[in-house]
């Protein structure tokens, strides 16, 4: 099970970080970063299968593939920005973390404009 591997990596990393912070606190962020990358590499396979499933469903239902691409980009931005924000918060840089959050939210809003405008067009066409 992948969840056991993920939890194991997390707990081992936590123990290492606690030990390292006593002697060399500046190296604790590296352990956190490496553990995050290891966990992300474990879930990449799961993510690609979910993307393939969504693509097959969108082809059957005839959803615009551009919208699916936009939704996947938005989801990716949200995940990656949350990862970066967590690392910044772990290293005590909450100011940088908040800037990353704001930047990612603006990018997500910008990317979602075509979907929002299409939904508004559909609503206007339905209304008398």
N, C-alpha and C. Protein backbone atom coordinates (compact mmCIF):
# COMPACT_ATOMS: atom_id res chain seq x y z
N UNK A 1 0.83 -1.19 0.00
CA UNK A 1 0.00 0.00 0.00
C UNK A 1 0.87 1.25 0.00
N UNK A 2 0.48 2.16 -0.86
CA UNK A 2 1.24 3.40 -0.97
C UNK A 2 1.07 4.29 0.25
N UNK A 3 -0.07 4.25 0.87
CA UNK A 3 -0.29 5.12 2.02
C UNK A 3 0.64 4.77 3.16
N UNK A 4 0.97 3.50 3.31
CA UNK A 4 1.89 3.09 4.36
C UNK A 4 3.29 3.63 4.05
N UNK A 5 3.68 3.60 2.76
CA UNK A 5 4.97 4.16 2.37
C UNK A 5 5.00 5.67 2.64
N UNK A 6 3.91 6.34 2.29
CA UNK A 6 3.84 7.78 2.49
C UNK A 6 3.92 8.13 3.97
N UNK A 7 3.16 7.44 4.78
CA UNK A 7 3.19 7.68 6.22
C UNK A 7 4.58 7.35 6.79
N UNK A 8 5.18 6.27 6.31
CA UNK A 8 6.52 5.90 6.77
C UNK A 8 7.54 6.96 6.44
N UNK A 9 7.50 7.46 5.21
CA UNK A 9 8.43 8.54 4.82
C UNK A 9 8.20 9.77 5.69
N UNK A 10 6.94 10.09 5.92
CA UNK A 10 6.62 11.25 6.74
C UNK A 10 7.11 11.12 8.16
N UNK A 11 6.88 9.96 8.77
CA UNK A 11 7.30 9.77 10.16
C UNK A 11 8.82 9.71 10.31
N UNK A 12 9.49 9.03 9.38
CA UNK A 12 10.95 8.98 9.43
C UNK A 12 11.53 10.38 9.24
N UNK A 13 10.93 11.13 8.32
CA UNK A 13 11.39 12.50 8.09
C UNK A 13 11.17 13.36 9.33
N UNK A 14 10.04 13.18 9.98
CA UNK A 14 9.75 13.93 11.19
C UNK A 14 10.79 13.65 12.27
N UNK A 15 11.11 12.38 12.46
CA UNK A 15 12.11 12.01 13.47
C UNK A 15 13.48 12.59 13.12
N UNK A 16 13.84 12.49 11.82
CA UNK A 16 15.12 13.05 11.40
C UNK A 16 15.16 14.57 11.60
N UNK A 17 14.07 15.24 11.30
CA UNK A 17 14.03 16.69 11.46
C UNK A 17 14.17 17.07 12.93
N UNK A 18 13.49 16.34 13.79
CA UNK A 18 13.59 16.62 15.23
C UNK A 18 15.03 16.45 15.71
N UNK A 19 15.69 15.40 15.26
CA UNK A 19 17.08 15.15 15.66
C UNK A 19 18.02 16.20 15.07
N UNK A 20 17.84 16.49 13.78
CA UNK A 20 18.73 17.44 13.10
C UNK A 20 18.59 18.85 13.66
N UNK A 21 17.36 19.23 14.04
CA UNK A 21 17.15 20.59 14.56
C UNK A 21 17.93 20.85 15.84
N UNK A 22 18.27 19.80 16.59
CA UNK A 22 19.05 19.98 17.81
C UNK A 22 20.49 20.36 17.52
N UNK A 23 21.02 19.86 16.39
CA UNK A 23 22.44 20.06 16.10
C UNK A 23 22.68 21.04 14.95
N UNK A 24 21.97 20.87 13.86
CA UNK A 24 22.13 21.73 12.67
C UNK A 24 20.74 22.09 12.14
N UNK A 25 20.08 23.07 12.72
CA UNK A 25 18.71 23.39 12.31
C UNK A 25 18.59 23.84 10.86
N UNK A 26 19.67 24.34 10.29
CA UNK A 26 19.60 24.80 8.90
C UNK A 26 19.45 23.65 7.91
N UNK A 27 19.78 22.43 8.31
CA UNK A 27 19.66 21.28 7.44
C UNK A 27 18.28 20.62 7.51
N UNK A 28 17.47 21.01 8.45
CA UNK A 28 16.15 20.40 8.60
C UNK A 28 15.26 20.66 7.39
N UNK A 29 15.41 21.81 6.77
CA UNK A 29 14.59 22.13 5.60
C UNK A 29 14.92 21.20 4.44
N UNK A 30 16.17 20.76 4.35
CA UNK A 30 16.55 19.84 3.28
C UNK A 30 15.88 18.48 3.46
N UNK A 31 15.80 18.02 4.68
CA UNK A 31 15.11 16.75 4.95
C UNK A 31 13.64 16.88 4.60
N UNK A 32 13.05 18.00 4.95
CA UNK A 32 11.64 18.24 4.63
C UNK A 32 11.43 18.28 3.13
N UNK A 33 12.29 18.94 2.41
CA UNK A 33 12.17 19.04 0.96
C UNK A 33 12.34 17.69 0.30
N UNK A 34 13.32 16.92 0.72
CA UNK A 34 13.56 15.60 0.14
C UNK A 34 12.39 14.66 0.42
N UNK A 35 11.86 14.71 1.63
CA UNK A 35 10.72 13.84 1.95
C UNK A 35 9.50 14.23 1.12
N UNK A 36 9.30 15.52 0.91
CA UNK A 36 8.18 15.96 0.08
C UNK A 36 8.32 15.48 -1.36
N UNK A 37 9.53 15.56 -1.88
CA UNK A 37 9.77 15.09 -3.25
C UNK A 37 9.57 13.58 -3.34
N UNK A 38 10.02 12.83 -2.33
CA UNK A 38 9.80 11.38 -2.33
C UNK A 38 8.32 11.03 -2.31
N UNK A 39 7.56 11.75 -1.50
CA UNK A 39 6.13 11.48 -1.41
C UNK A 39 5.45 11.83 -2.72
N UNK A 40 5.83 12.96 -3.32
CA UNK A 40 5.25 13.33 -4.61
C UNK A 40 5.58 12.31 -5.69
N UNK A 41 6.80 11.77 -5.65
CA UNK A 41 7.16 10.77 -6.66
C UNK A 41 6.36 9.48 -6.50
N UNK A 42 5.94 9.19 -5.28
CA UNK A 42 5.12 7.99 -5.07
C UNK A 42 3.71 8.15 -5.63
N UNK A 43 3.21 9.36 -5.65
CA UNK A 43 1.82 9.54 -6.08
C UNK A 43 1.70 9.94 -7.55
N UNK A 44 2.80 10.12 -8.25
CA UNK A 44 2.75 10.50 -9.66
C UNK A 44 2.02 9.45 -10.48
N UNK A 45 2.28 8.17 -10.23
CA UNK A 45 1.61 7.10 -10.98
C UNK A 45 0.10 7.15 -10.78
N UNK A 46 -0.31 7.38 -9.56
CA UNK A 46 -1.75 7.47 -9.27
C UNK A 46 -2.37 8.66 -10.00
N UNK A 47 -1.63 9.73 -10.02
CA UNK A 47 -2.13 10.95 -10.66
C UNK A 47 -2.28 10.77 -12.17
N UNK A 48 -1.33 10.10 -12.79
CA UNK A 48 -1.42 9.89 -14.24
C UNK A 48 -2.60 8.99 -14.59
N UNK A 49 -2.91 8.02 -13.75
CA UNK A 49 -4.07 7.17 -14.03
C UNK A 49 -5.37 7.95 -13.87
N UNK A 50 -5.43 8.87 -12.91
CA UNK A 50 -6.62 9.71 -12.74
C UNK A 50 -6.79 10.63 -13.94
N UNK A 51 -5.70 11.19 -14.44
CA UNK A 51 -5.77 12.07 -15.61
C UNK A 51 -6.25 11.28 -16.83
N UNK A 52 -5.75 10.07 -17.01
CA UNK A 52 -6.19 9.25 -18.13
C UNK A 52 -7.67 8.92 -18.03
N UNK A 53 -8.15 8.64 -16.82
CA UNK A 53 -9.58 8.37 -16.63
C UNK A 53 -10.42 9.59 -16.95
N UNK A 54 -9.99 10.76 -16.49
CA UNK A 54 -10.73 11.98 -16.78
C UNK A 54 -10.77 12.28 -18.28
N UNK A 55 -9.67 12.02 -18.97
CA UNK A 55 -9.64 12.23 -20.42
C UNK A 55 -10.60 11.29 -21.13
N UNK A 56 -10.65 10.03 -20.71
CA UNK A 56 -11.57 9.09 -21.36
C UNK A 56 -13.02 9.46 -21.10
N UNK A 57 -13.32 9.92 -19.89
CA UNK A 57 -14.68 10.35 -19.58
C UNK A 57 -15.05 11.59 -20.39
N UNK A 58 -14.12 12.53 -20.51
CA UNK A 58 -14.42 13.75 -21.27
C UNK A 58 -14.63 13.45 -22.75
N UNK A 59 -13.94 12.46 -23.28
CA UNK A 59 -14.16 12.08 -24.68
C UNK A 59 -15.53 11.44 -24.88
N UNK A 60 -15.99 10.66 -23.90
CA UNK A 60 -17.30 10.02 -24.01
C UNK A 60 -18.43 11.03 -23.88
N UNK A 61 -18.27 12.02 -23.03
CA UNK A 61 -19.32 12.99 -22.75
C UNK A 61 -19.21 14.20 -23.68
N UNK A 62 -18.17 14.26 -24.45
CA UNK A 62 -17.88 15.36 -25.37
C UNK A 62 -17.75 16.70 -24.66
N UNK A 63 -17.00 16.69 -23.58
CA UNK A 63 -16.65 17.92 -22.89
C UNK A 63 -15.46 18.53 -23.64
N UNK A 64 -15.43 19.84 -23.70
CA UNK A 64 -14.33 20.52 -24.36
C UNK A 64 -13.02 20.16 -23.66
N UNK A 65 -12.08 19.59 -24.41
CA UNK A 65 -10.80 19.17 -23.82
C UNK A 65 -9.99 20.34 -23.30
N UNK A 66 -10.24 21.54 -23.85
CA UNK A 66 -9.54 22.72 -23.32
C UNK A 66 -9.92 22.96 -21.87
N UNK A 67 -11.20 22.76 -21.56
CA UNK A 67 -11.65 22.96 -20.19
C UNK A 67 -11.04 21.93 -19.25
N UNK A 68 -10.94 20.70 -19.71
CA UNK A 68 -10.31 19.67 -18.88
C UNK A 68 -8.84 20.01 -18.63
N UNK A 69 -8.16 20.49 -19.65
CA UNK A 69 -6.77 20.90 -19.48
C UNK A 69 -6.63 22.03 -18.48
N UNK A 70 -7.56 22.98 -18.57
CA UNK A 70 -7.54 24.11 -17.63
C UNK A 70 -7.76 23.62 -16.21
N UNK A 71 -8.72 22.73 -16.02
CA UNK A 71 -8.99 22.21 -14.68
C UNK A 71 -7.81 21.43 -14.13
N UNK A 72 -7.13 20.68 -14.97
CA UNK A 72 -5.95 19.94 -14.52
C UNK A 72 -4.81 20.90 -14.16
N UNK A 73 -4.65 21.97 -14.95
CA UNK A 73 -3.63 22.96 -14.63
C UNK A 73 -3.93 23.64 -13.30
N UNK A 74 -5.19 23.99 -13.10
CA UNK A 74 -5.59 24.64 -11.84
C UNK A 74 -5.31 23.71 -10.66
N UNK A 75 -5.66 22.44 -10.81
CA UNK A 75 -5.41 21.48 -9.74
C UNK A 75 -3.92 21.33 -9.47
N UNK A 76 -3.13 21.26 -10.53
CA UNK A 76 -1.68 21.16 -10.37
C UNK A 76 -1.09 22.38 -9.68
N UNK A 77 -1.56 23.56 -10.07
CA UNK A 77 -1.08 24.79 -9.43
C UNK A 77 -1.44 24.78 -7.95
N UNK A 78 -2.65 24.35 -7.63
CA UNK A 78 -3.07 24.32 -6.23
C UNK A 78 -2.20 23.37 -5.41
N UNK A 79 -1.94 22.18 -5.95
CA UNK A 79 -1.12 21.21 -5.23
C UNK A 79 0.32 21.71 -5.07
N UNK A 80 0.91 22.19 -6.14
CA UNK A 80 2.30 22.64 -6.07
C UNK A 80 2.47 23.86 -5.18
N UNK A 81 1.51 24.77 -5.23
CA UNK A 81 1.63 25.95 -4.38
C UNK A 81 1.44 25.57 -2.91
N UNK A 82 0.56 24.63 -2.63
CA UNK A 82 0.40 24.18 -1.25
C UNK A 82 1.68 23.52 -0.74
N UNK A 83 2.34 22.76 -1.61
CA UNK A 83 3.61 22.13 -1.26
C UNK A 83 4.65 23.20 -0.94
N UNK A 84 4.75 24.21 -1.80
CA UNK A 84 5.73 25.28 -1.59
C UNK A 84 5.41 26.09 -0.34
N UNK A 85 4.13 26.36 -0.12
CA UNK A 85 3.72 27.12 1.07
C UNK A 85 4.05 26.35 2.33
N UNK A 86 3.84 25.04 2.31
CA UNK A 86 4.16 24.22 3.49
C UNK A 86 5.65 24.25 3.78
N UNK A 87 6.47 24.17 2.74
CA UNK A 87 7.91 24.21 2.95
C UNK A 87 8.33 25.56 3.50
N UNK A 88 7.75 26.63 2.95
CA UNK A 88 8.08 27.97 3.46
C UNK A 88 7.67 28.12 4.92
N UNK A 89 6.48 27.65 5.25
CA UNK A 89 6.03 27.74 6.65
C UNK A 89 6.90 26.90 7.57
N UNK A 90 7.32 25.71 7.11
CA UNK A 90 8.19 24.87 7.92
C UNK A 90 9.53 25.54 8.20
N UNK A 91 10.01 26.33 7.23
CA UNK A 91 11.30 26.98 7.44
C UNK A 91 11.15 28.34 8.11
N UNK A 92 9.93 28.70 8.49
CA UNK A 92 9.71 29.93 9.22
C UNK A 92 9.54 31.17 8.35
N UNK A 93 9.35 30.98 7.07
CA UNK A 93 9.20 32.11 6.14
C UNK A 93 7.73 32.27 5.76
N UNK A 94 6.92 32.69 6.71
CA UNK A 94 5.48 32.81 6.45
C UNK A 94 5.18 33.96 5.50
N UNK A 95 6.02 34.98 5.44
CA UNK A 95 5.79 36.10 4.51
C UNK A 95 5.91 35.62 3.07
N UNK A 96 6.92 34.82 2.78
CA UNK A 96 7.07 34.27 1.44
C UNK A 96 5.93 33.31 1.14
N UNK A 97 5.52 32.53 2.14
CA UNK A 97 4.42 31.59 1.94
C UNK A 97 3.14 32.33 1.55
N UNK A 98 2.87 33.44 2.20
CA UNK A 98 1.65 34.18 1.87
C UNK A 98 1.73 34.78 0.47
N UNK A 99 2.92 35.19 0.03
CA UNK A 99 3.08 35.71 -1.33
C UNK A 99 2.86 34.61 -2.35
N UNK A 100 3.33 33.41 -2.07
CA UNK A 100 3.10 32.28 -2.97
C UNK A 100 1.61 31.99 -3.06
N UNK A 101 0.91 32.02 -1.92
CA UNK A 101 -0.54 31.78 -1.92
C UNK A 101 -1.27 32.81 -2.76
N UNK A 102 -0.93 34.07 -2.58
CA UNK A 102 -1.60 35.13 -3.34
C UNK A 102 -1.32 34.96 -4.83
N UNK A 103 -0.07 34.70 -5.18
CA UNK A 103 0.29 34.52 -6.58
C UNK A 103 -0.43 33.35 -7.22
N UNK A 104 -0.50 32.25 -6.50
CA UNK A 104 -1.17 31.07 -7.06
C UNK A 104 -2.67 31.30 -7.20
N UNK A 105 -3.28 32.02 -6.27
CA UNK A 105 -4.70 32.31 -6.38
C UNK A 105 -4.99 33.21 -7.57
N UNK A 106 -4.13 34.18 -7.81
CA UNK A 106 -4.32 35.05 -8.97
C UNK A 106 -4.18 34.27 -10.27
N UNK A 107 -3.19 33.38 -10.32
CA UNK A 107 -3.01 32.55 -11.53
C UNK A 107 -4.20 31.64 -11.73
N UNK A 108 -4.73 31.06 -10.66
CA UNK A 108 -5.90 30.18 -10.77
C UNK A 108 -7.10 30.96 -11.27
N UNK A 109 -7.32 32.16 -10.75
CA UNK A 109 -8.44 32.99 -11.22
C UNK A 109 -8.26 33.32 -12.69
N UNK A 110 -7.04 33.67 -13.08
CA UNK A 110 -6.77 34.00 -14.48
C UNK A 110 -7.04 32.81 -15.39
N UNK A 111 -6.61 31.64 -14.98
CA UNK A 111 -6.84 30.44 -15.79
C UNK A 111 -8.31 30.07 -15.88
N UNK A 112 -9.08 30.39 -14.85
CA UNK A 112 -10.48 29.96 -14.83
C UNK A 112 -11.41 30.91 -15.58
N UNK A 113 -10.92 32.01 -16.08
CA UNK A 113 -11.78 32.97 -16.79
C UNK A 113 -12.50 32.36 -17.99
N UNK A 114 -11.85 31.55 -18.85
CA UNK A 114 -12.61 30.95 -19.97
C UNK A 114 -13.77 30.06 -19.51
N UNK A 115 -13.57 29.32 -18.43
CA UNK A 115 -14.63 28.45 -17.93
C UNK A 115 -15.77 29.29 -17.38
N UNK A 116 -15.44 30.33 -16.62
CA UNK A 116 -16.47 31.19 -16.04
C UNK A 116 -17.25 31.90 -17.14
N UNK A 117 -16.56 32.40 -18.15
CA UNK A 117 -17.27 33.10 -19.23
C UNK A 117 -18.16 32.16 -20.02
N UNK A 118 -17.71 30.92 -20.22
CA UNK A 118 -18.55 29.94 -20.91
C UNK A 118 -19.79 29.61 -20.09
N UNK A 119 -19.63 29.46 -18.78
CA UNK A 119 -20.78 29.19 -17.92
C UNK A 119 -21.76 30.37 -17.95
N UNK A 120 -21.24 31.57 -17.93
CA UNK A 120 -22.12 32.74 -18.00
C UNK A 120 -22.88 32.80 -19.32
N UNK A 121 -22.22 32.45 -20.41
CA UNK A 121 -22.90 32.39 -21.72
C UNK A 121 -24.03 31.37 -21.70
N UNK A 122 -23.79 30.22 -21.10
CA UNK A 122 -24.82 29.18 -21.02
C UNK A 122 -26.00 29.68 -20.18
N UNK A 123 -25.70 30.32 -19.08
CA UNK A 123 -26.78 30.86 -18.22
C UNK A 123 -27.58 31.92 -18.96
N UNK A 124 -26.91 32.79 -19.68
CA UNK A 124 -27.62 33.84 -20.43
C UNK A 124 -28.50 33.23 -21.50
N UNK A 125 -28.03 32.17 -22.14
CA UNK A 125 -28.85 31.51 -23.19
C UNK A 125 -30.07 30.80 -22.60
N UNK A 126 -29.95 30.32 -21.38
CA UNK A 126 -31.07 29.62 -20.74
C UNK A 126 -32.13 30.60 -20.28
N UNK A 127 -31.70 31.74 -19.75
CA UNK A 127 -32.64 32.74 -19.23
C UNK A 127 -33.45 33.36 -20.37
N UNK A 128 -34.73 33.69 -20.12
CA UNK A 128 -35.55 34.29 -21.18
C UNK A 128 -35.20 35.73 -21.45
